[in-house]
């Protein structure tokens, strides 16, 4: 594993005096098409205003992903082994280098619908004396690519996750965006790096037991529809459900691999 830090002199100066409050951790693999859009949300002004650091954890990209990451991120972690890295392992590698007290895990194709409102909420949440130790976020498709079917799917799934977390007290949440306090993330044991799919659900099951979760409607994030366009909602839902039950019953995913759609 190779770690590169301080690609921007301005970024280095901003963070040299103290540790940041919030670490944005983004695992990537062959993400040259969408990564710049996500990273450009976290401007130098926002990084100063909200005391952020940006960490990109690359799983072995051979396209221009790493070059793009170097232009925006404070730290870039490069996976150099021949074996394929799971997204869970990529997130953990990013967390190991993070200095913030709050970890915000985002996928490479995912960004907040209202960046300032999102970061304000996370900052204010961190200041609370009594709070859940992790947050789940609603997810919707990019507005310019969203169809009626996309809107209906997102509304149903977000309503379901919100009910299960906030009312039923169940540990679950989508991996597009998951937020932890540093202490809760490590107390829960980090992501299970051996799970190629369902790792997002699995870590929230453990986290719920140590300090509770909350599904926060104000933390809406947008994601690319690329996987849904390739496979369709029925197949994706079936794969999610199968992995969900396997994680629930056996502590591991049914899928031996999770195909990257680019």
C-alpha atoms as a PDB file:
ATOM      1  CA  UNK A   1       0.000   0.000   0.000  1.00  0.00           C
ATOM      2  CA  UNK A   2       1.329   3.416  -0.966  1.00  0.00           C
ATOM      3  CA  UNK A   3       0.131   6.618   0.720  1.00  0.00           C
ATOM      4  CA  UNK A   4       0.517  10.030  -0.863  1.00  0.00           C
ATOM      5  CA  UNK A   5      -0.231  13.128   1.199  1.00  0.00           C
ATOM      6  CA  UNK A   6      -0.377  16.869   0.701  1.00  0.00           C
ATOM      7  CA  UNK A   7      -0.805  17.026  -3.067  1.00  0.00           C
ATOM      8  CA  UNK A   8      -1.872  20.638  -2.809  1.00  0.00           C
ATOM      9  CA  UNK A   9       0.307  23.095  -0.914  1.00  0.00           C
ATOM     10  CA  UNK A  10      -2.749  25.098   0.169  1.00  0.00           C
ATOM     11  CA  UNK A  11      -4.387  21.949   1.488  1.00  0.00           C
ATOM     12  CA  UNK A  12      -1.252  21.018   3.394  1.00  0.00           C
ATOM     13  CA  UNK A  13      -1.090  24.427   5.051  1.00  0.00           C
ATOM     14  CA  UNK A  14      -4.746  24.268   6.025  1.00  0.00           C
ATOM     15  CA  UNK A  15      -4.296  21.021   7.942  1.00  0.00           C
ATOM     16  CA  UNK A  16      -0.789  21.240   9.342  1.00  0.00           C
ATOM     17  CA  UNK A  17      -1.809  23.101  12.514  1.00  0.00           C
ATOM     18  CA  UNK A  18      -4.487  20.719  13.734  1.00  0.00           C
ATOM     19  CA  UNK A  19      -6.411  17.609  12.903  1.00  0.00           C
ATOM     20  CA  UNK A  20      -9.544  18.143  10.802  1.00  0.00           C
ATOM     21  CA  UNK A  21     -12.985  17.613  12.316  1.00  0.00           C
ATOM     22  CA  UNK A  22     -14.463  15.628   9.416  1.00  0.00           C
ATOM     23  CA  UNK A  23     -12.777  13.051   7.204  1.00  0.00           C
ATOM     24  CA  UNK A  24     -14.445  12.376   3.843  1.00  0.00           C
ATOM     25  CA  UNK A  25     -13.347   8.870   2.811  1.00  0.00           C
ATOM     26  CA  UNK A  26     -13.974   7.687  -0.750  1.00  0.00           C
ATOM     27  CA  UNK A  27     -13.008   4.204  -1.984  1.00  0.00           C
ATOM     28  CA  UNK A  28     -12.457   4.095  -5.743  1.00  0.00           C
ATOM     29  CA  UNK A  29     -11.698   1.716  -8.607  1.00  0.00           C
ATOM     30  CA  UNK A  30     -11.598   2.784 -12.264  1.00  0.00           C
ATOM     31  CA  UNK A  31     -13.664   5.898 -11.523  1.00  0.00           C
ATOM     32  CA  UNK A  32     -12.244   8.376 -14.032  1.00  0.00           C
ATOM     33  CA  UNK A  33     -15.708   9.175 -15.439  1.00  0.00           C
ATOM     34  CA  UNK A  34     -17.353  10.376 -12.229  1.00  0.00           C
ATOM     35  CA  UNK A  35     -14.735  10.965  -9.540  1.00  0.00           C
ATOM     36  CA  UNK A  36     -13.935  14.576 -10.438  1.00  0.00           C
ATOM     37  CA  UNK A  37     -17.592  15.538 -10.128  1.00  0.00           C
ATOM     38  CA  UNK A  38     -17.755  14.110  -6.615  1.00  0.00           C
ATOM     39  CA  UNK A  39     -14.441  15.532  -5.420  1.00  0.00           C
ATOM     40  CA  UNK A  40     -15.069  18.999  -6.874  1.00  0.00           C
ATOM     41  CA  UNK A  41     -17.981  19.391  -4.434  1.00  0.00           C
ATOM     42  CA  UNK A  42     -15.458  19.680  -1.596  1.00  0.00           C
ATOM     43  CA  UNK A  43     -13.856  22.961  -2.585  1.00  0.00           C
ATOM     44  CA  UNK A  44     -10.994  24.584  -0.705  1.00  0.00           C
ATOM     45  CA  UNK A  45     -13.486  27.068   0.740  1.00  0.00           C
ATOM     46  CA  UNK A  46     -15.711  24.266   2.079  1.00  0.00           C
ATOM     47  CA  UNK A  47     -12.695  22.410   3.421  1.00  0.00           C
ATOM     48  CA  UNK A  48     -11.724  25.475   5.435  1.00  0.00           C
ATOM     49  CA  UNK A  49     -15.276  26.341   6.494  1.00  0.00           C
ATOM     50  CA  UNK A  50     -16.146  22.863   7.723  1.00  0.00           C
ATOM     51  CA  UNK A  51     -12.656  21.682   8.678  1.00  0.00           C
ATOM     52  CA  UNK A  52     -12.535  18.785   6.228  1.00  0.00           C
ATOM     53  CA  UNK A  53      -9.942  16.437   4.871  1.00  0.00           C
ATOM     54  CA  UNK A  54     -10.499  14.380   1.714  1.00  0.00           C
ATOM     55  CA  UNK A  55      -9.105  10.853   1.519  1.00  0.00           C
ATOM     56  CA  UNK A  56      -9.276   8.738  -1.639  1.00  0.00           C
ATOM     57  CA  UNK A  57      -8.536   5.041  -1.222  1.00  0.00           C
ATOM     58  CA  UNK A  58      -7.831   3.450  -4.601  1.00  0.00           C
ATOM     59  CA  UNK A  59      -8.259  -0.273  -5.128  1.00  0.00           C
ATOM     60  CA  UNK A  60      -5.823  -0.625  -8.027  1.00  0.00           C
ATOM     61  CA  UNK A  61      -7.075   1.604 -10.837  1.00  0.00           C
ATOM     62  CA  UNK A  62      -5.301   1.506 -14.196  1.00  0.00           C
ATOM     63  CA  UNK A  63      -7.135   4.461 -15.766  1.00  0.00           C
ATOM     64  CA  UNK A  64      -6.734   8.144 -14.766  1.00  0.00           C
ATOM     65  CA  UNK A  65      -8.520   7.764 -11.412  1.00  0.00           C
ATOM     66  CA  UNK A  66      -5.392   8.280  -9.319  1.00  0.00           C
ATOM     67  CA  UNK A  67      -4.351  11.346 -11.307  1.00  0.00           C
ATOM     68  CA  UNK A  68      -7.794  12.868 -10.722  1.00  0.00           C
ATOM     69  CA  UNK A  69      -7.634  12.017  -7.017  1.00  0.00           C
ATOM     70  CA  UNK A  70      -4.259  13.728  -6.697  1.00  0.00           C
ATOM     71  CA  UNK A  71      -5.725  16.998  -7.975  1.00  0.00           C
ATOM     72  CA  UNK A  72      -8.355  17.161  -5.216  1.00  0.00           C
ATOM     73  CA  UNK A  73      -7.577  14.899  -2.256  1.00  0.00           C
ATOM     74  CA  UNK A  74      -5.412  15.538   0.787  1.00  0.00           C
ATOM     75  CA  UNK A  75      -4.408  11.883   0.937  1.00  0.00           C
ATOM     76  CA  UNK A  76      -4.414   9.243  -1.786  1.00  0.00           C
ATOM     77  CA  UNK A  77      -3.947   5.599  -0.817  1.00  0.00           C
ATOM     78  CA  UNK A  78      -2.907   3.196  -3.584  1.00  0.00           C
ATOM     79  CA  UNK A  79      -3.513  -0.548  -3.374  1.00  0.00           C
ATOM     80  CA  UNK A  80      -0.460  -2.167  -4.964  1.00  0.00           C
ATOM     81  CA  UNK A  81      -1.124  -5.876  -4.413  1.00  0.00           C
ATOM     82  CA  UNK A  82      -2.176  -8.136  -7.283  1.00  0.00           C
ATOM     83  CA  UNK A  83      -5.291  -9.429  -5.533  1.00  0.00           C
ATOM     84  CA  UNK A  84      -8.540  -7.518  -5.864  1.00  0.00           C
ATOM     85  CA  UNK A  85      -9.426  -5.348  -2.905  1.00  0.00           C
ATOM     86  CA  UNK A  86     -12.966  -5.315  -1.510  1.00  0.00           C
ATOM     87  CA  UNK A  87     -14.700  -1.957  -1.100  1.00  0.00           C
ATOM     88  CA  UNK A  88     -14.824  -2.679   2.640  1.00  0.00           C
ATOM     89  CA  UNK A  89     -11.046  -2.997   2.733  1.00  0.00           C
ATOM     90  CA  UNK A  90     -10.702   0.209   0.745  1.00  0.00           C
ATOM     91  CA  UNK A  91     -12.858   2.062   3.247  1.00  0.00           C
ATOM     92  CA  UNK A  92     -10.851   0.664   6.148  1.00  0.00           C
ATOM     93  CA  UNK A  93      -7.551   1.710   4.560  1.00  0.00           C
ATOM     94  CA  UNK A  94      -8.942   5.213   4.204  1.00  0.00           C
ATOM     95  CA  UNK A  95     -10.117   5.275   7.805  1.00  0.00           C
ATOM     96  CA  UNK A  96      -6.701   4.163   9.046  1.00  0.00           C
ATOM     97  CA  UNK A  97      -5.195   7.349   7.600  1.00  0.00           C
ATOM     98  CA  UNK A  98      -8.071   9.639   8.646  1.00  0.00           C
ATOM     99  CA  UNK A  99      -7.501  12.229  11.377  1.00  0.00           C
ATOM    100  CA  UNK A 100     -11.044  13.534  11.833  1.00  0.00           C
ATOM    101  CA  UNK A 101     -13.425  12.771  14.670  1.00  0.00           C
ATOM    102  CA  UNK A 102     -16.197  12.108  12.149  1.00  0.00           C
ATOM    103  CA  UNK A 103     -15.854   9.649   9.253  1.00  0.00           C
ATOM    104  CA  UNK A 104     -18.087  10.255   6.216  1.00  0.00           C
ATOM    105  CA  UNK A 105     -17.878   7.349   3.771  1.00  0.00           C
ATOM    106  CA  UNK A 106     -19.063   8.177   0.258  1.00  0.00           C
ATOM    107  CA  UNK A 107     -18.968   6.142  -2.935  1.00  0.00           C
ATOM    108  CA  UNK A 108     -17.066   7.654  -5.846  1.00  0.00           C
ATOM    109  CA  UNK A 109     -20.291   8.383  -7.763  1.00  0.00           C
ATOM    110  CA  UNK A 110     -22.104   9.854  -4.745  1.00  0.00           C
ATOM    111  CA  UNK A 111     -22.251  13.402  -3.386  1.00  0.00           C
ATOM    112  CA  UNK A 112     -24.534  15.471  -1.106  1.00  0.00           C
ATOM    113  CA  UNK A 113     -27.573  17.082  -2.714  1.00  0.00           C
ATOM    114  CA  UNK A 114     -26.991  20.188  -0.562  1.00  0.00           C
ATOM    115  CA  UNK A 115     -23.276  20.151   0.329  1.00  0.00           C
ATOM    116  CA  UNK A 116     -23.359  23.060   2.780  1.00  0.00           C
ATOM    117  CA  UNK A 117     -26.508  21.832   4.517  1.00  0.00           C
ATOM    118  CA  UNK A 118     -25.088  18.306   4.658  1.00  0.00           C
ATOM    119  CA  UNK A 119     -21.806  19.421   6.217  1.00  0.00           C
ATOM    120  CA  UNK A 120     -23.528  21.801   8.633  1.00  0.00           C
ATOM    121  CA  UNK A 121     -25.733  18.971   9.876  1.00  0.00           C
ATOM    122  CA  UNK A 122     -22.764  16.636  10.342  1.00  0.00           C
ATOM    123  CA  UNK A 123     -20.792  19.334  12.165  1.00  0.00           C
ATOM    124  CA  UNK A 124     -23.714  20.190  14.468  1.00  0.00           C
ATOM    125  CA  UNK A 125     -24.411  16.500  15.114  1.00  0.00           C
ATOM    126  CA  UNK A 126     -20.823  16.024  16.222  1.00  0.00           C
ATOM    127  CA  UNK A 127     -21.235  18.766  18.838  1.00  0.00           C
ATOM    128  CA  UNK A 128     -24.178  17.037  20.523  1.00  0.00           C
ATOM    129  CA  UNK A 129     -23.443  15.488  23.895  1.00  0.00           C
ATOM    130  CA  UNK A 130     -25.930  12.660  23.432  1.00  0.00           C
ATOM    131  CA  UNK A 131     -26.282  11.372  19.902  1.00  0.00           C
ATOM    132  CA  UNK A 132     -26.495   8.167  17.884  1.00  0.00           C
ATOM    133  CA  UNK A 133     -23.022   6.997  16.982  1.00  0.00           C
ATOM    134  CA  UNK A 134     -23.741   6.596  13.267  1.00  0.00           C
ATOM    135  CA  UNK A 135     -26.025   8.078  10.618  1.00  0.00           C
ATOM    136  CA  UNK A 136     -27.689   6.566   7.558  1.00  0.00           C
ATOM    137  CA  UNK A 137     -28.554   8.754   4.574  1.00  0.00           C
ATOM    138  CA  UNK A 138     -31.340   8.762   1.980  1.00  0.00           C
ATOM    139  CA  UNK A 139     -30.180   8.217  -1.603  1.00  0.00           C
ATOM    140  CA  UNK A 140     -31.615   9.423  -4.907  1.00  0.00           C
ATOM    141  CA  UNK A 141     -30.516   9.358  -8.550  1.00  0.00           C
ATOM    142  CA  UNK A 142     -28.750  12.348 -10.142  1.00  0.00           C
ATOM    143  CA  UNK A 143     -31.536  14.870 -10.927  1.00  0.00           C
ATOM    144  CA  UNK A 144     -30.586  15.223 -14.606  1.00  0.00           C
ATOM    145  CA  UNK A 145     -30.790  11.444 -15.146  1.00  0.00           C
ATOM    146  CA  UNK A 146     -33.727  10.670 -12.877  1.00  0.00           C
ATOM    147  CA  UNK A 147     -36.847   9.045 -14.298  1.00  0.00           C
ATOM    148  CA  UNK A 148     -40.238   8.523 -12.674  1.00  0.00           C
ATOM    149  CA  UNK A 149     -39.280   4.905 -11.935  1.00  0.00           C
ATOM    150  CA  UNK A 150     -36.080   6.103 -10.269  1.00  0.00           C
ATOM    151  CA  UNK A 151     -38.037   8.522  -8.086  1.00  0.00           C
ATOM    152  CA  UNK A 152     -40.526   5.860  -7.026  1.00  0.00           C
ATOM    153  CA  UNK A 153     -37.788   3.335  -6.251  1.00  0.00           C
ATOM    154  CA  UNK A 154     -35.801   5.861  -4.206  1.00  0.00           C
ATOM    155  CA  UNK A 155     -38.868   6.981  -2.267  1.00  0.00           C
ATOM    156  CA  UNK A 156     -39.900   3.414  -1.421  1.00  0.00           C
ATOM    157  CA  UNK A 157     -36.408   2.292  -0.445  1.00  0.00           C
ATOM    158  CA  UNK A 158     -35.650   5.420   1.585  1.00  0.00           C
ATOM    159  CA  UNK A 159     -38.991   5.102   3.388  1.00  0.00           C
ATOM    160  CA  UNK A 160     -38.254   1.463   4.166  1.00  0.00           C
ATOM    161  CA  UNK A 161     -34.746   2.146   5.467  1.00  0.00           C
ATOM    162  CA  UNK A 162     -35.987   5.113   7.495  1.00  0.00           C
ATOM    163  CA  UNK A 163     -38.716   3.007   9.094  1.00  0.00           C
ATOM    164  CA  UNK A 164     -36.386   0.114   9.864  1.00  0.00           C
ATOM    165  CA  UNK A 165     -33.738   2.365  11.440  1.00  0.00           C
ATOM    166  CA  UNK A 166     -35.736   5.064  13.231  1.00  0.00           C
ATOM    167  CA  UNK A 167     -38.864   3.138  14.229  1.00  0.00           C
ATOM    168  CA  UNK A 168     -38.010  -0.563  14.231  1.00  0.00           C
ATOM    169  CA  UNK A 169     -34.524   0.048  15.622  1.00  0.00           C
ATOM    170  CA  UNK A 170     -32.898  -2.219  13.042  1.00  0.00           C
ATOM    171  CA  UNK A 171     -29.283  -1.789  12.007  1.00  0.00           C
ATOM    172  CA  UNK A 172     -29.165  -1.095   8.290  1.00  0.00           C
ATOM    173  CA  UNK A 173     -28.212   1.588   5.798  1.00  0.00           C
ATOM    174  CA  UNK A 174     -26.943   1.930   2.249  1.00  0.00           C
ATOM    175  CA  UNK A 175     -23.209   2.135   1.660  1.00  0.00           C
ATOM    176  CA  UNK A 176     -23.463   5.085  -0.720  1.00  0.00           C
ATOM    177  CA  UNK A 177     -23.200   7.278   2.361  1.00  0.00           C
ATOM    178  CA  UNK A 178     -22.512   6.170   5.929  1.00  0.00           C
ATOM    179  CA  UNK A 179     -21.365   8.431   8.763  1.00  0.00           C
ATOM    180  CA  UNK A 180     -19.681   7.386  12.022  1.00  0.00           C
ATOM    181  CA  UNK A 181     -17.970   8.941  14.968  1.00  0.00           C
ATOM    182  CA  UNK A 182     -14.369   7.804  15.010  1.00  0.00           C
ATOM    183  CA  UNK A 183     -14.790   5.987  18.313  1.00  0.00           C
ATOM    184  CA  UNK A 184     -17.931   4.168  17.143  1.00  0.00           C
ATOM    185  CA  UNK A 185     -16.299   3.030  13.904  1.00  0.00           C
ATOM    186  CA  UNK A 186     -13.405   1.430  15.724  1.00  0.00           C
ATOM    187  CA  UNK A 187     -15.555   0.129  18.583  1.00  0.00           C
ATOM    188  CA  UNK A 188     -17.746  -1.627  16.010  1.00  0.00           C
ATOM    189  CA  UNK A 189     -14.663  -3.274  14.516  1.00  0.00           C
ATOM    190  CA  UNK A 190     -14.519  -1.371  11.195  1.00  0.00           C
ATOM    191  CA  UNK A 191     -15.919  -2.842   7.967  1.00  0.00           C
ATOM    192  CA  UNK A 192     -15.576  -6.579   7.474  1.00  0.00           C
ATOM    193  CA  UNK A 193     -12.963  -6.625   4.721  1.00  0.00           C
ATOM    194  CA  UNK A 194     -13.795 -10.224   3.813  1.00  0.00           C
ATOM    195  CA  UNK A 195     -17.329  -9.333   2.672  1.00  0.00           C
ATOM    196  CA  UNK A 196     -17.513  -8.241  -1.011  1.00  0.00           C
ATOM    197  CA  UNK A 197     -21.177  -7.167  -0.756  1.00  0.00           C
ATOM    198  CA  UNK A 198     -23.498  -6.347   2.130  1.00  0.00           C
ATOM    199  CA  UNK A 199     -20.652  -4.889   4.193  1.00  0.00           C
ATOM    200  CA  UNK A 200     -22.643  -1.682   4.644  1.00  0.00           C
ATOM    201  CA  UNK A 201     -25.561  -3.537   6.216  1.00  0.00           C
ATOM    202  CA  UNK A 202     -23.263  -5.739   8.289  1.00  0.00           C
ATOM    203  CA  UNK A 203     -21.338  -2.902   9.965  1.00  0.00           C
ATOM    204  CA  UNK A 204     -24.550  -1.052  10.869  1.00  0.00           C
ATOM    205  CA  UNK A 205     -25.855  -4.199  12.566  1.00  0.00           C
ATOM    206  CA  UNK A 206     -22.785  -4.123  14.815  1.00  0.00           C
ATOM    207  CA  UNK A 207     -22.828  -0.366  15.281  1.00  0.00           C
ATOM    208  CA  UNK A 208     -26.460  -0.313  16.413  1.00  0.00           C
ATOM    209  CA  UNK A 209     -25.517  -2.456  19.397  1.00  0.00           C
ATOM    210  CA  UNK A 210     -22.911  -0.040  20.724  1.00  0.00           C
ATOM    211  CA  UNK A 211     -24.625   3.328  20.409  1.00  0.00           C
ATOM    212  CA  UNK A 212     -27.611   3.479  18.118  1.00  0.00           C
ATOM    213  CA  UNK A 213     -28.262   4.745  14.591  1.00  0.00           C
ATOM    214  CA  UNK A 214     -30.374   7.439  12.990  1.00  0.00           C
ATOM    215  CA  UNK A 215     -31.696   7.802   9.433  1.00  0.00           C
ATOM    216  CA  UNK A 216     -31.553  11.532   8.650  1.00  0.00           C
ATOM    217  CA  UNK A 217     -33.755  12.827   5.827  1.00  0.00           C
ATOM    218  CA  UNK A 218     -31.748  16.061   5.574  1.00  0.00           C
ATOM    219  CA  UNK A 219     -28.624  14.162   4.530  1.00  0.00           C
ATOM    220  CA  UNK A 220     -29.821  13.317   1.008  1.00  0.00           C
ATOM    221  CA  UNK A 221     -27.132  12.226  -1.419  1.00  0.00           C
ATOM    222  CA  UNK A 222     -27.256  11.705  -5.175  1.00  0.00           C
ATOM    223  CA  UNK A 223     -25.853   8.640  -6.913  1.00  0.00           C
ATOM    224  CA  UNK A 224     -25.317   7.541 -10.501  1.00  0.00           C
ATOM    225  CA  UNK A 225     -28.001   5.239 -11.977  1.00  0.00           C
ATOM    226  CA  UNK A 226     -25.384   3.213 -13.846  1.00  0.00           C
ATOM    227  CA  UNK A 227     -25.912  -0.089 -12.020  1.00  0.00           C
ATOM    228  CA  UNK A 228     -29.684   0.149 -12.227  1.00  0.00           C
ATOM    229  CA  UNK A 229     -29.509   0.983 -15.929  1.00  0.00           C
ATOM    230  CA  UNK A 230     -27.354  -2.049 -16.674  1.00  0.00           C
ATOM    231  CA  UNK A 231     -29.194  -4.647 -14.614  1.00  0.00           C
ATOM    232  CA  UNK A 232     -32.603  -3.181 -13.786  1.00  0.00           C
ATOM    233  CA  UNK A 233     -34.238  -2.701 -10.408  1.00  0.00           C
ATOM    234  CA  UNK A 234     -35.672  -6.248 -10.028  1.00  0.00           C
ATOM    235  CA  UNK A 235     -32.284  -7.942 -10.364  1.00  0.00           C
ATOM    236  CA  UNK A 236     -30.518  -5.424  -8.110  1.00  0.00           C
ATOM    237  CA  UNK A 237     -33.184  -5.763  -5.426  1.00  0.00           C
ATOM    238  CA  UNK A 238     -32.928  -9.561  -5.581  1.00  0.00           C
ATOM    239  CA  UNK A 239     -29.139  -9.443  -5.203  1.00  0.00           C
ATOM    240  CA  UNK A 240     -29.426  -7.005  -2.289  1.00  0.00           C
ATOM    241  CA  UNK A 241     -32.046  -9.174  -0.597  1.00  0.00           C
ATOM    242  CA  UNK A 242     -30.020 -12.375  -0.987  1.00  0.00           C
ATOM    243  CA  UNK A 243     -26.857 -10.786   0.398  1.00  0.00           C
ATOM    244  CA  UNK A 244     -28.871  -9.123   3.168  1.00  0.00           C
ATOM    245  CA  UNK A 245     -30.267 -12.475   4.347  1.00  0.00           C
ATOM    246  CA  UNK A 246     -26.898 -14.194   4.104  1.00  0.00           C
ATOM    247  CA  UNK A 247     -25.256 -11.492   6.180  1.00  0.00           C
ATOM    248  CA  UNK A 248     -28.117 -11.677   8.661  1.00  0.00           C
ATOM    249  CA  UNK A 249     -28.021 -15.473   8.963  1.00  0.00           C
ATOM    250  CA  UNK A 250     -24.374 -16.382   8.308  1.00  0.00           C
ATOM    251  CA  UNK A 251     -22.418 -13.169   8.790  1.00  0.00           C
ATOM    252  CA  UNK A 252     -21.131 -13.166   5.204  1.00  0.00           C
ATOM    253  CA  UNK A 253     -22.355 -12.279   1.719  1.00  0.00           C
ATOM    254  CA  UNK A 254     -23.793 -14.751  -0.755  1.00  0.00           C
ATOM    255  CA  UNK A 255     -21.985 -13.013  -3.634  1.00  0.00           C
ATOM    256  CA  UNK A 256     -18.317 -13.949  -3.946  1.00  0.00           C
ATOM    257  CA  UNK A 257     -17.659 -10.747  -5.870  1.00  0.00           C
ATOM    258  CA  UNK A 258     -19.487  -7.449  -6.557  1.00  0.00           C
ATOM    259  CA  UNK A 259     -19.031  -6.407 -10.166  1.00  0.00           C
ATOM    260  CA  UNK A 260     -17.844  -2.866 -10.737  1.00  0.00           C
ATOM    261  CA  UNK A 261     -20.106  -1.039 -13.216  1.00  0.00           C
ATOM    262  CA  UNK A 262     -18.333   1.849 -14.941  1.00  0.00           C
END
